[in-house]
């Protein structure tokens, strides 16, 4: 099978999947706010994008979260946006070498 044929097959699969009547988003699956109660999570790249979304989701599920990143200002901003409902959220800067 050539790369071109393989890609056509993958694209065809994606098109068929997009025609599904109901697609369940991942956050709906892990909606239980006690799922991670008492657990600790360290999220690198937590100042924006997927990392920030993961941090908020983990907090919503009851985890204690530490977000880490290279930009302290962005981390502080993200920390202010995360609503915890009593869970412990902290940030820490890190240096990438």
PDB file of N, CA and C in Angstrom:
ATOM      1  N   UNK A   1       0.847  -1.176   0.000  1.00  0.00           N
ATOM      2  CA  UNK A   1       0.000   0.000   0.000  1.00  0.00           C
ATOM      3  C   UNK A   1       0.895   1.243   0.000  1.00  0.00           C
ATOM      4  N   UNK A   2       0.614   2.135  -0.902  1.00  0.00           N
ATOM      5  CA  UNK A   2       1.417   3.356  -0.994  1.00  0.00           C
ATOM      6  C   UNK A   2       0.960   4.366   0.056  1.00  0.00           C
ATOM      7  N   UNK A   3       1.787   5.362   0.302  1.00  0.00           N
ATOM      8  CA  UNK A   3       1.452   6.419   1.260  1.00  0.00           C
ATOM      9  C   UNK A   3       0.197   7.147   0.814  1.00  0.00           C
ATOM     10  N   UNK A   4       0.071   7.375  -0.488  1.00  0.00           N
ATOM     11  CA  UNK A   4      -1.096   8.073  -1.030  1.00  0.00           C
ATOM     12  C   UNK A   4      -2.380   7.287  -0.743  1.00  0.00           C
ATOM     13  N   UNK A   5      -2.361   5.991  -0.955  1.00  0.00           N
ATOM     14  CA  UNK A   5      -3.528   5.147  -0.674  1.00  0.00           C
ATOM     15  C   UNK A   5      -3.847   5.135   0.814  1.00  0.00           C
ATOM     16  N   UNK A   6      -2.806   5.065   1.635  1.00  0.00           N
ATOM     17  CA  UNK A   6      -2.996   5.059   3.087  1.00  0.00           C
ATOM     18  C   UNK A   6      -3.672   6.356   3.540  1.00  0.00           C
ATOM     19  N   UNK A   7      -3.180   7.504   3.013  1.00  0.00           N
ATOM     20  CA  UNK A   7      -3.758   8.807   3.367  1.00  0.00           C
ATOM     21  C   UNK A   7      -5.209   8.905   2.911  1.00  0.00           C
ATOM     22  N   UNK A   8      -5.514   8.417   1.706  1.00  0.00           N
ATOM     23  CA  UNK A   8      -6.893   8.447   1.224  1.00  0.00           C
ATOM     24  C   UNK A   8      -7.803   7.662   2.157  1.00  0.00           C
ATOM     25  N   UNK A   9      -7.326   6.520   2.617  1.00  0.00           N
ATOM     26  CA  UNK A   9      -8.115   5.707   3.541  1.00  0.00           C
ATOM     27  C   UNK A   9      -8.369   6.430   4.859  1.00  0.00           C
ATOM     28  N   UNK A  10      -7.344   7.095   5.385  1.00  0.00           N
ATOM     29  CA  UNK A  10      -7.497   7.829   6.650  1.00  0.00           C
ATOM     30  C   UNK A  10      -8.453   9.008   6.479  1.00  0.00           C
ATOM     31  N   UNK A  11      -8.330   9.721   5.366  1.00  0.00           N
ATOM     32  CA  UNK A  11      -9.227  10.860   5.108  1.00  0.00           C
ATOM     33  C   UNK A  11     -10.658  10.375   4.954  1.00  0.00           C
ATOM     34  N   UNK A  12     -10.866   9.274   4.254  1.00  0.00           N
ATOM     35  CA  UNK A  12     -12.199   8.698   4.090  1.00  0.00           C
ATOM     36  C   UNK A  12     -12.796   8.343   5.461  1.00  0.00           C
ATOM     37  N   UNK A  13     -11.978   7.769   6.330  1.00  0.00           N
ATOM     38  CA  UNK A  13     -12.440   7.422   7.677  1.00  0.00           C
ATOM     39  C   UNK A  13     -12.854   8.665   8.446  1.00  0.00           C
ATOM     40  N   UNK A  14     -12.053   9.731   8.373  1.00  0.00           N
ATOM     41  CA  UNK A  14     -12.388  10.977   9.065  1.00  0.00           C
ATOM     42  C   UNK A  14     -13.690  11.575   8.542  1.00  0.00           C
ATOM     43  N   UNK A  15     -13.884  11.520   7.224  1.00  0.00           N
ATOM     44  CA  UNK A  15     -15.121  12.051   6.640  1.00  0.00           C
ATOM     45  C   UNK A  15     -16.316  11.261   7.134  1.00  0.00           C
ATOM     46  N   UNK A  16     -16.193   9.939   7.164  1.00  0.00           N
ATOM     47  CA  UNK A  16     -17.296   9.109   7.652  1.00  0.00           C
ATOM     48  C   UNK A  16     -17.581   9.380   9.126  1.00  0.00           C
ATOM     49  N   UNK A  17     -16.527   9.563   9.922  1.00  0.00           N
ATOM     50  CA  UNK A  17     -16.706   9.855  11.352  1.00  0.00           C
ATOM     51  C   UNK A  17     -17.396  11.193  11.553  1.00  0.00           C
ATOM     52  N   UNK A  18     -17.118  12.161  10.690  1.00  0.00           N
ATOM     53  CA  UNK A  18     -17.721  13.485  10.847  1.00  0.00           C
ATOM     54  C   UNK A  18     -19.213  13.468  10.551  1.00  0.00           C
ATOM     55  N   UNK A  19     -19.687  12.419   9.919  1.00  0.00           N
ATOM     56  CA  UNK A  19     -21.112  12.315   9.595  1.00  0.00           C
ATOM     57  C   UNK A  19     -21.900  11.606  10.695  1.00  0.00           C
ATOM     58  N   UNK A  20     -21.235  11.219  11.766  1.00  0.00           N
ATOM     59  CA  UNK A  20     -21.919  10.586  12.890  1.00  0.00           C
ATOM     60  C   UNK A  20     -22.980  11.530  13.439  1.00  0.00           C
ATOM     61  N   UNK A  21     -24.070  10.981  13.912  1.00  0.00           N
ATOM     62  CA  UNK A  21     -25.167  11.812  14.413  1.00  0.00           C
ATOM     63  C   UNK A  21     -24.844  12.452  15.743  1.00  0.00           C
ATOM     64  N   UNK A  22     -24.111  11.767  16.582  1.00  0.00           N
ATOM     65  CA  UNK A  22     -23.792  12.319  17.895  1.00  0.00           C
ATOM     66  C   UNK A  22     -22.318  12.081  18.193  1.00  0.00           C
ATOM     67  N   UNK A  23     -21.626  13.155  18.466  1.00  0.00           N
ATOM     68  CA  UNK A  23     -20.230  13.053  18.878  1.00  0.00           C
ATOM     69  C   UNK A  23     -20.163  13.537  20.323  1.00  0.00           C
ATOM     70  N   UNK A  24     -19.592  12.735  21.212  1.00  0.00           N
ATOM     71  CA  UNK A  24     -19.543  13.067  22.629  1.00  0.00           C
ATOM     72  C   UNK A  24     -18.198  13.721  22.933  1.00  0.00           C
ATOM     73  N   UNK A  25     -18.211  14.975  23.396  1.00  0.00           N
ATOM     74  CA  UNK A  25     -16.931  15.610  23.738  1.00  0.00           C
ATOM     75  C   UNK A  25     -16.322  14.970  24.977  1.00  0.00           C
ATOM     76  N   UNK A  26     -15.002  14.932  25.043  1.00  0.00           N
ATOM     77  CA  UNK A  26     -14.298  14.294  26.152  1.00  0.00           C
ATOM     78  C   UNK A  26     -14.679  14.895  27.509  1.00  0.00           C
ATOM     79  N   UNK A  27     -14.772  16.241  27.647  1.00  0.00           N
ATOM     80  CA  UNK A  27     -15.132  16.773  28.965  1.00  0.00           C
ATOM     81  C   UNK A  27     -16.457  16.233  29.499  1.00  0.00           C
ATOM     82  N   UNK A  28     -17.370  15.864  28.614  1.00  0.00           N
ATOM     83  CA  UNK A  28     -18.645  15.300  29.052  1.00  0.00           C
ATOM     84  C   UNK A  28     -18.432  13.927  29.687  1.00  0.00           C
ATOM     85  N   UNK A  29     -17.447  13.195  29.199  1.00  0.00           N
ATOM     86  CA  UNK A  29     -17.174  11.857  29.716  1.00  0.00           C
ATOM     87  C   UNK A  29     -16.618  11.926  31.137  1.00  0.00           C
ATOM     88  N   UNK A  30     -15.746  12.894  31.430  1.00  0.00           N
ATOM     89  CA  UNK A  30     -15.130  12.983  32.753  1.00  0.00           C
ATOM     90  C   UNK A  30     -15.742  14.120  33.564  1.00  0.00           C
ATOM     91  N   UNK A  31     -17.060  14.188  33.549  1.00  0.00           N
ATOM     92  CA  UNK A  31     -17.771  15.282  34.205  1.00  0.00           C
ATOM     93  C   UNK A  31     -17.893  15.088  35.724  1.00  0.00           C
ATOM     94  N   UNK A  32     -17.612  13.910  36.221  1.00  0.00           N
ATOM     95  CA  UNK A  32     -17.766  13.624  37.647  1.00  0.00           C
ATOM     96  C   UNK A  32     -16.804  14.479  38.463  1.00  0.00           C
ATOM     97  N   UNK A  33     -17.349  15.357  39.321  1.00  0.00           N
ATOM     98  CA  UNK A  33     -16.494  16.277  40.071  1.00  0.00           C
ATOM     99  C   UNK A  33     -15.765  15.608  41.233  1.00  0.00           C
ATOM    100  N   UNK A  34     -15.948  14.312  41.445  1.00  0.00           N
ATOM    101  CA  UNK A  34     -15.219  13.605  42.496  1.00  0.00           C
ATOM    102  C   UNK A  34     -14.215  12.610  41.929  1.00  0.00           C
ATOM    103  N   UNK A  35     -14.096  12.566  40.626  1.00  0.00           N
ATOM    104  CA  UNK A  35     -13.265  11.564  39.967  1.00  0.00           C
ATOM    105  C   UNK A  35     -11.807  11.612  40.438  1.00  0.00           C
ATOM    106  N   UNK A  36     -11.259  12.827  40.634  1.00  0.00           N
ATOM    107  CA  UNK A  36      -9.856  12.986  41.020  1.00  0.00           C
ATOM    108  C   UNK A  36      -9.706  13.569  42.420  1.00  0.00           C
ATOM    109  N   UNK A  37     -10.737  13.475  43.232  1.00  0.00           N
ATOM    110  CA  UNK A  37     -10.702  14.057  44.576  1.00  0.00           C
ATOM    111  C   UNK A  37      -9.531  13.496  45.379  1.00  0.00           C
ATOM    112  N   UNK A  38      -8.718  14.415  45.919  1.00  0.00           N
ATOM    113  CA  UNK A  38      -7.574  14.016  46.734  1.00  0.00           C
ATOM    114  C   UNK A  38      -6.325  13.667  45.940  1.00  0.00           C
ATOM    115  N   UNK A  39      -6.409  13.673  44.629  1.00  0.00           N
ATOM    116  CA  UNK A  39      -5.248  13.381  43.786  1.00  0.00           C
ATOM    117  C   UNK A  39      -4.495  14.676  43.501  1.00  0.00           C
ATOM    118  N   UNK A  40      -3.219  14.558  43.175  1.00  0.00           N
ATOM    119  CA  UNK A  40      -2.375  15.706  42.850  1.00  0.00           C
ATOM    120  C   UNK A  40      -1.947  15.615  41.397  1.00  0.00           C
ATOM    121  N   UNK A  41      -1.924  16.771  40.722  1.00  0.00           N
ATOM    122  CA  UNK A  41      -1.525  16.795  39.309  1.00  0.00           C
ATOM    123  C   UNK A  41      -0.536  17.920  39.078  1.00  0.00           C
ATOM    124  N   UNK A  42       0.517  17.630  38.348  1.00  0.00           N
ATOM    125  CA  UNK A  42       1.478  18.634  37.893  1.00  0.00           C
ATOM    126  C   UNK A  42       1.290  18.746  36.394  1.00  0.00           C
ATOM    127  N   UNK A  43       0.913  19.940  35.928  1.00  0.00           N
ATOM    128  CA  UNK A  43       0.666  20.146  34.506  1.00  0.00           C
ATOM    129  C   UNK A  43       1.693  21.128  33.971  1.00  0.00           C
ATOM    130  N   UNK A  44       2.564  20.629  33.094  1.00  0.00           N
ATOM    131  CA  UNK A  44       3.537  21.513  32.455  1.00  0.00           C
ATOM    132  C   UNK A  44       2.876  22.148  31.240  1.00  0.00           C
ATOM    133  N   UNK A  45       3.289  23.362  30.928  1.00  0.00           N
ATOM    134  CA  UNK A  45       2.651  24.079  29.834  1.00  0.00           C
ATOM    135  C   UNK A  45       1.254  24.518  30.213  1.00  0.00           C
ATOM    136  N   UNK A  46       1.054  24.771  31.503  1.00  0.00           N
ATOM    137  CA  UNK A  46      -0.280  25.061  32.016  1.00  0.00           C
ATOM    138  C   UNK A  46      -0.710  26.506  31.908  1.00  0.00           C
ATOM    139  N   UNK A  47       0.090  27.356  31.276  1.00  0.00           N
ATOM    140  CA  UNK A  47      -0.271  28.772  31.239  1.00  0.00           C
ATOM    141  C   UNK A  47      -1.242  29.117  30.125  1.00  0.00           C
ATOM    142  N   UNK A  48      -1.422  28.227  29.148  1.00  0.00           N
ATOM    143  CA  UNK A  48      -2.363  28.527  28.069  1.00  0.00           C
ATOM    144  C   UNK A  48      -2.729  27.248  27.318  1.00  0.00           C
ATOM    145  N   UNK A  49      -3.680  27.378  26.434  1.00  0.00           N
ATOM    146  CA  UNK A  49      -4.049  26.286  25.536  1.00  0.00           C
ATOM    147  C   UNK A  49      -4.508  25.024  26.221  1.00  0.00           C
ATOM    148  N   UNK A  50      -4.023  23.904  25.718  1.00  0.00           N
ATOM    149  CA  UNK A  50      -4.440  22.599  26.228  1.00  0.00           C
ATOM    150  C   UNK A  50      -4.055  22.427  27.690  1.00  0.00           C
ATOM    151  N   UNK A  51      -2.871  22.905  28.075  1.00  0.00           N
ATOM    152  CA  UNK A  51      -2.440  22.782  29.474  1.00  0.00           C
ATOM    153  C   UNK A  51      -3.374  23.493  30.433  1.00  0.00           C
ATOM    154  N   UNK A  52      -3.791  24.713  30.084  1.00  0.00           N
ATOM    155  CA  UNK A  52      -4.721  25.461  30.931  1.00  0.00           C
ATOM    156  C   UNK A  52      -6.079  24.768  30.985  1.00  0.00           C
ATOM    157  N   UNK A  53      -6.531  24.242  29.852  1.00  0.00           N
ATOM    158  CA  UNK A  53      -7.814  23.527  29.819  1.00  0.00           C
ATOM    159  C   UNK A  53      -7.747  22.257  30.660  1.00  0.00           C
ATOM    160  N   UNK A  54      -6.608  21.559  30.603  1.00  0.00           N
ATOM    161  CA  UNK A  54      -6.446  20.361  31.432  1.00  0.00           C
ATOM    162  C   UNK A  54      -6.458  20.728  32.909  1.00  0.00           C
ATOM    163  N   UNK A  55      -5.776  21.817  33.255  1.00  0.00           N
ATOM    164  CA  UNK A  55      -5.738  22.245  34.651  1.00  0.00           C
ATOM    165  C   UNK A  55      -7.147  22.531  35.158  1.00  0.00           C
ATOM    166  N   UNK A  56      -7.949  23.259  34.369  1.00  0.00           N
ATOM    167  CA  UNK A  56      -9.311  23.576  34.782  1.00  0.00           C
ATOM    168  C   UNK A  56     -10.156  22.309  34.912  1.00  0.00           C
ATOM    169  N   UNK A  57      -9.998  21.382  33.972  1.00  0.00           N
ATOM    170  CA  UNK A  57     -10.755  20.126  34.018  1.00  0.00           C
ATOM    171  C   UNK A  57     -10.364  19.303  35.239  1.00  0.00           C
ATOM    172  N   UNK A  58      -9.072  19.215  35.531  1.00  0.00           N
ATOM    173  CA  UNK A  58      -8.618  18.471  36.706  1.00  0.00           C
ATOM    174  C   UNK A  58      -9.162  19.100  37.985  1.00  0.00           C
ATOM    175  N   UNK A  59      -9.140  20.428  38.057  1.00  0.00           N
ATOM    176  CA  UNK A  59      -9.682  21.123  39.227  1.00  0.00           C
ATOM    177  C   UNK A  59     -11.177  20.840  39.351  1.00  0.00           C
ATOM    178  N   UNK A  60     -11.895  20.859  38.233  1.00  0.00           N
ATOM    179  CA  UNK A  60     -13.325  20.569  38.244  1.00  0.00           C
ATOM    180  C   UNK A  60     -13.611  19.162  38.747  1.00  0.00           C
ATOM    181  N   UNK A  61     -12.653  18.253  38.533  1.00  0.00           N
ATOM    182  CA  UNK A  61     -12.812  16.866  38.979  1.00  0.00           C
ATOM    183  C   UNK A  61     -12.269  16.643  40.386  1.00  0.00           C
ATOM    184  N   UNK A  62     -11.838  17.729  41.067  1.00  0.00           N
ATOM    185  CA  UNK A  62     -11.448  17.630  42.465  1.00  0.00           C
ATOM    186  C   UNK A  62      -9.969  17.496  42.751  1.00  0.00           C
ATOM    187  N   UNK A  63      -9.114  17.564  41.743  1.00  0.00           N
ATOM    188  CA  UNK A  63      -7.677  17.384  41.961  1.00  0.00           C
ATOM    189  C   UNK A  63      -7.023  18.657  42.497  1.00  0.00           C
ATOM    190  N   UNK A  64      -5.931  18.473  43.230  1.00  0.00           N
ATOM    191  CA  UNK A  64      -5.039  19.576  43.585  1.00  0.00           C
ATOM    192  C   UNK A  64      -4.083  19.730  42.417  1.00  0.00           C
ATOM    193  N   UNK A  65      -3.922  20.948  41.900  1.00  0.00           N
ATOM    194  CA  UNK A  65      -3.186  21.144  40.656  1.00  0.00           C
ATOM    195  C   UNK A  65      -2.051  22.140  40.840  1.00  0.00           C
ATOM    196  N   UNK A  66      -0.891  21.790  40.280  1.00  0.00           N
ATOM    197  CA  UNK A  66       0.227  22.719  40.150  1.00  0.00           C
ATOM    198  C   UNK A  66       0.448  22.899  38.658  1.00  0.00           C
ATOM    199  N   UNK A  67       0.353  24.158  38.189  1.00  0.00           N
ATOM    200  CA  UNK A  67       0.634  24.418  36.783  1.00  0.00           C
ATOM    201  C   UNK A  67       2.050  24.978  36.672  1.00  0.00           C
ATOM    202  N   UNK A  68       2.771  24.535  35.657  1.00  0.00           N
ATOM    203  CA  UNK A  68       4.146  24.976  35.457  1.00  0.00           C
ATOM    204  C   UNK A  68       4.304  25.486  34.034  1.00  0.00           C
ATOM    205  N   UNK A  69       5.171  26.473  33.883  1.00  0.00           N
ATOM    206  CA  UNK A  69       5.435  27.022  32.561  1.00  0.00           C
ATOM    207  C   UNK A  69       6.624  27.954  32.616  1.00  0.00           C
ATOM    208  N   UNK A  70       7.006  28.492  31.474  1.00  0.00           N
ATOM    209  CA  UNK A  70       8.192  29.325  31.402  1.00  0.00           C
ATOM    210  C   UNK A  70       7.894  30.809  31.571  1.00  0.00           C
ATOM    211  N   UNK A  71       6.637  31.217  31.455  1.00  0.00           N
ATOM    212  CA  UNK A  71       6.278  32.629  31.558  1.00  0.00           C
ATOM    213  C   UNK A  71       5.444  32.863  32.819  1.00  0.00           C
ATOM    214  N   UNK A  72       6.068  33.472  33.817  1.00  0.00           N
ATOM    215  CA  UNK A  72       5.422  33.644  35.116  1.00  0.00           C
ATOM    216  C   UNK A  72       4.171  34.519  35.025  1.00  0.00           C
ATOM    217  N   UNK A  73       4.187  35.546  34.177  1.00  0.00           N
ATOM    218  CA  UNK A  73       3.016  36.410  34.040  1.00  0.00           C
ATOM    219  C   UNK A  73       1.824  35.646  33.483  1.00  0.00           C
ATOM    220  N   UNK A  74       2.066  34.815  32.466  1.00  0.00           N
ATOM    221  CA  UNK A  74       0.976  34.008  31.911  1.00  0.00           C
ATOM    222  C   UNK A  74       0.449  33.004  32.939  1.00  0.00           C
ATOM    223  N   UNK A  75       1.360  32.443  33.734  1.00  0.00           N
ATOM    224  CA  UNK A  75       0.941  31.500  34.769  1.00  0.00           C
ATOM    225  C   UNK A  75       0.047  32.176  35.801  1.00  0.00           C
ATOM    226  N   UNK A  76       0.428  33.372  36.228  1.00  0.00           N
ATOM    227  CA  UNK A  76      -0.382  34.102  37.203  1.00  0.00           C
ATOM    228  C   UNK A  76      -1.755  34.428  36.622  1.00  0.00           C
ATOM    229  N   UNK A  77      -1.785  34.818  35.354  1.00  0.00           N
ATOM    230  CA  UNK A  77      -3.048  35.129  34.694  1.00  0.00           C
ATOM    231  C   UNK A  77      -3.955  33.900  34.634  1.00  0.00           C
ATOM    232  N   UNK A  78      -3.380  32.774  34.241  1.00  0.00           N
ATOM    233  CA  UNK A  78      -4.144  31.526  34.163  1.00  0.00           C
ATOM    234  C   UNK A  78      -4.613  31.093  35.542  1.00  0.00           C
ATOM    235  N   UNK A  79      -3.757  31.249  36.528  1.00  0.00           N
ATOM    236  CA  UNK A  79      -4.113  30.892  37.903  1.00  0.00           C
ATOM    237  C   UNK A  79      -5.337  31.676  38.356  1.00  0.00           C
ATOM    238  N   UNK A  80      -5.396  32.960  37.979  1.00  0.00           N
ATOM    239  CA  UNK A  80      -6.544  33.792  38.339  1.00  0.00           C
ATOM    240  C   UNK A  80      -7.825  33.366  37.649  1.00  0.00           C
ATOM    241  N   UNK A  81      -7.718  32.720  36.488  1.00  0.00           N
ATOM    242  CA  UNK A  81      -8.896  32.299  35.728  1.00  0.00           C
ATOM    243  C   UNK A  81      -9.437  30.944  36.173  1.00  0.00           C
ATOM    244  N   UNK A  82      -8.581  30.130  36.788  1.00  0.00           N
ATOM    245  CA  UNK A  82      -9.006  28.787  37.197  1.00  0.00           C
ATOM    246  C   UNK A  82      -9.834  28.899  38.462  1.00  0.00           C
ATOM    247  N   UNK A  83     -11.057  28.390  38.377  1.00  0.00           N
ATOM    248  CA  UNK A  83     -11.918  28.383  39.562  1.00  0.00           C
ATOM    249  C   UNK A  83     -11.816  27.012  40.207  1.00  0.00           C
ATOM    250  N   UNK A  84     -11.535  27.015  41.507  1.00  0.00           N
ATOM    251  CA  UNK A  84     -11.194  25.765  42.149  1.00  0.00           C
ATOM    252  C   UNK A  84     -12.248  25.129  43.020  1.00  0.00           C
ATOM    253  N   UNK A  85     -13.138  25.898  43.575  1.00  0.00           N
ATOM    254  CA  UNK A  85     -14.125  25.294  44.458  1.00  0.00           C
ATOM    255  C   UNK A  85     -13.487  24.618  45.651  1.00  0.00           C
ATOM    256  N   UNK A  86     -12.428  25.223  46.203  1.00  0.00           N
ATOM    257  CA  UNK A  86     -11.814  24.676  47.401  1.00  0.00           C
ATOM    258  C   UNK A  86     -10.596  23.813  47.159  1.00  0.00           C
ATOM    259  N   UNK A  87     -10.275  23.514  45.902  1.00  0.00           N
ATOM    260  CA  UNK A  87      -9.078  22.720  45.658  1.00  0.00           C
ATOM    261  C   UNK A  87      -7.864  23.636  45.607  1.00  0.00           C
ATOM    262  N   UNK A  88      -6.718  23.066  45.822  1.00  0.00           N
ATOM    263  CA  UNK A  88      -5.460  23.804  45.895  1.00  0.00           C
ATOM    264  C   UNK A  88      -4.864  23.932  44.504  1.00  0.00           C
ATOM    265  N   UNK A  89      -4.662  25.162  44.057  1.00  0.00           N
ATOM    266  CA  UNK A  89      -4.050  25.414  42.758  1.00  0.00           C
ATOM    267  C   UNK A  89      -2.860  26.333  42.969  1.00  0.00           C
ATOM    268  N   UNK A  90      -1.727  25.995  42.400  1.00  0.00           N
ATOM    269  CA  UNK A  90      -0.496  26.750  42.567  1.00  0.00           C
ATOM    270  C   UNK A  90       0.227  26.810  41.232  1.00  0.00           C
ATOM    271  N   UNK A  91       1.069  27.827  41.045  1.00  0.00           N
ATOM    272  CA  UNK A  91       1.877  27.883  39.836  1.00  0.00           C
ATOM    273  C   UNK A  91       3.344  27.882  40.198  1.00  0.00           C
ATOM    274  N   UNK A  92       4.164  27.459  39.246  1.00  0.00           N
ATOM    275  CA  UNK A  92       5.608  27.521  39.428  1.00  0.00           C
ATOM    276  C   UNK A  92       6.253  27.779  38.079  1.00  0.00           C
ATOM    277  N   UNK A  93       7.244  28.676  38.051  1.00  0.00           N
ATOM    278  CA  UNK A  93       7.982  28.931  36.823  1.00  0.00           C
ATOM    279  C   UNK A  93       9.038  27.862  36.630  1.00  0.00           C
ATOM    280  N   UNK A  94       9.421  27.611  35.384  1.00  0.00           N
ATOM    281  CA  UNK A  94      10.462  26.621  35.131  1.00  0.00           C
ATOM    282  C   UNK A  94      11.358  27.102  34.000  1.00  0.00           C
ATOM    283  N   UNK A  95      12.557  26.614  33.996  1.00  0.00           N
ATOM    284  CA  UNK A  95      13.540  26.989  32.993  1.00  0.00           C
ATOM    285  C   UNK A  95      13.776  25.786  32.082  1.00  0.00           C
ATOM    286  N   UNK A  96      13.646  26.005  30.792  1.00  0.00           N
ATOM    287  CA  UNK A  96      13.868  24.919  29.828  1.00  0.00           C
ATOM    288  C   UNK A  96      15.282  25.038  29.289  1.00  0.00           C
ATOM    289  N   UNK A  97      16.039  23.959  29.394  1.00  0.00           N
ATOM    290  CA  UNK A  97      17.441  23.981  28.932  1.00  0.00           C
ATOM    291  C   UNK A  97      17.622  23.082  27.751  1.00  0.00           C
TER     292      UNK A  97
END
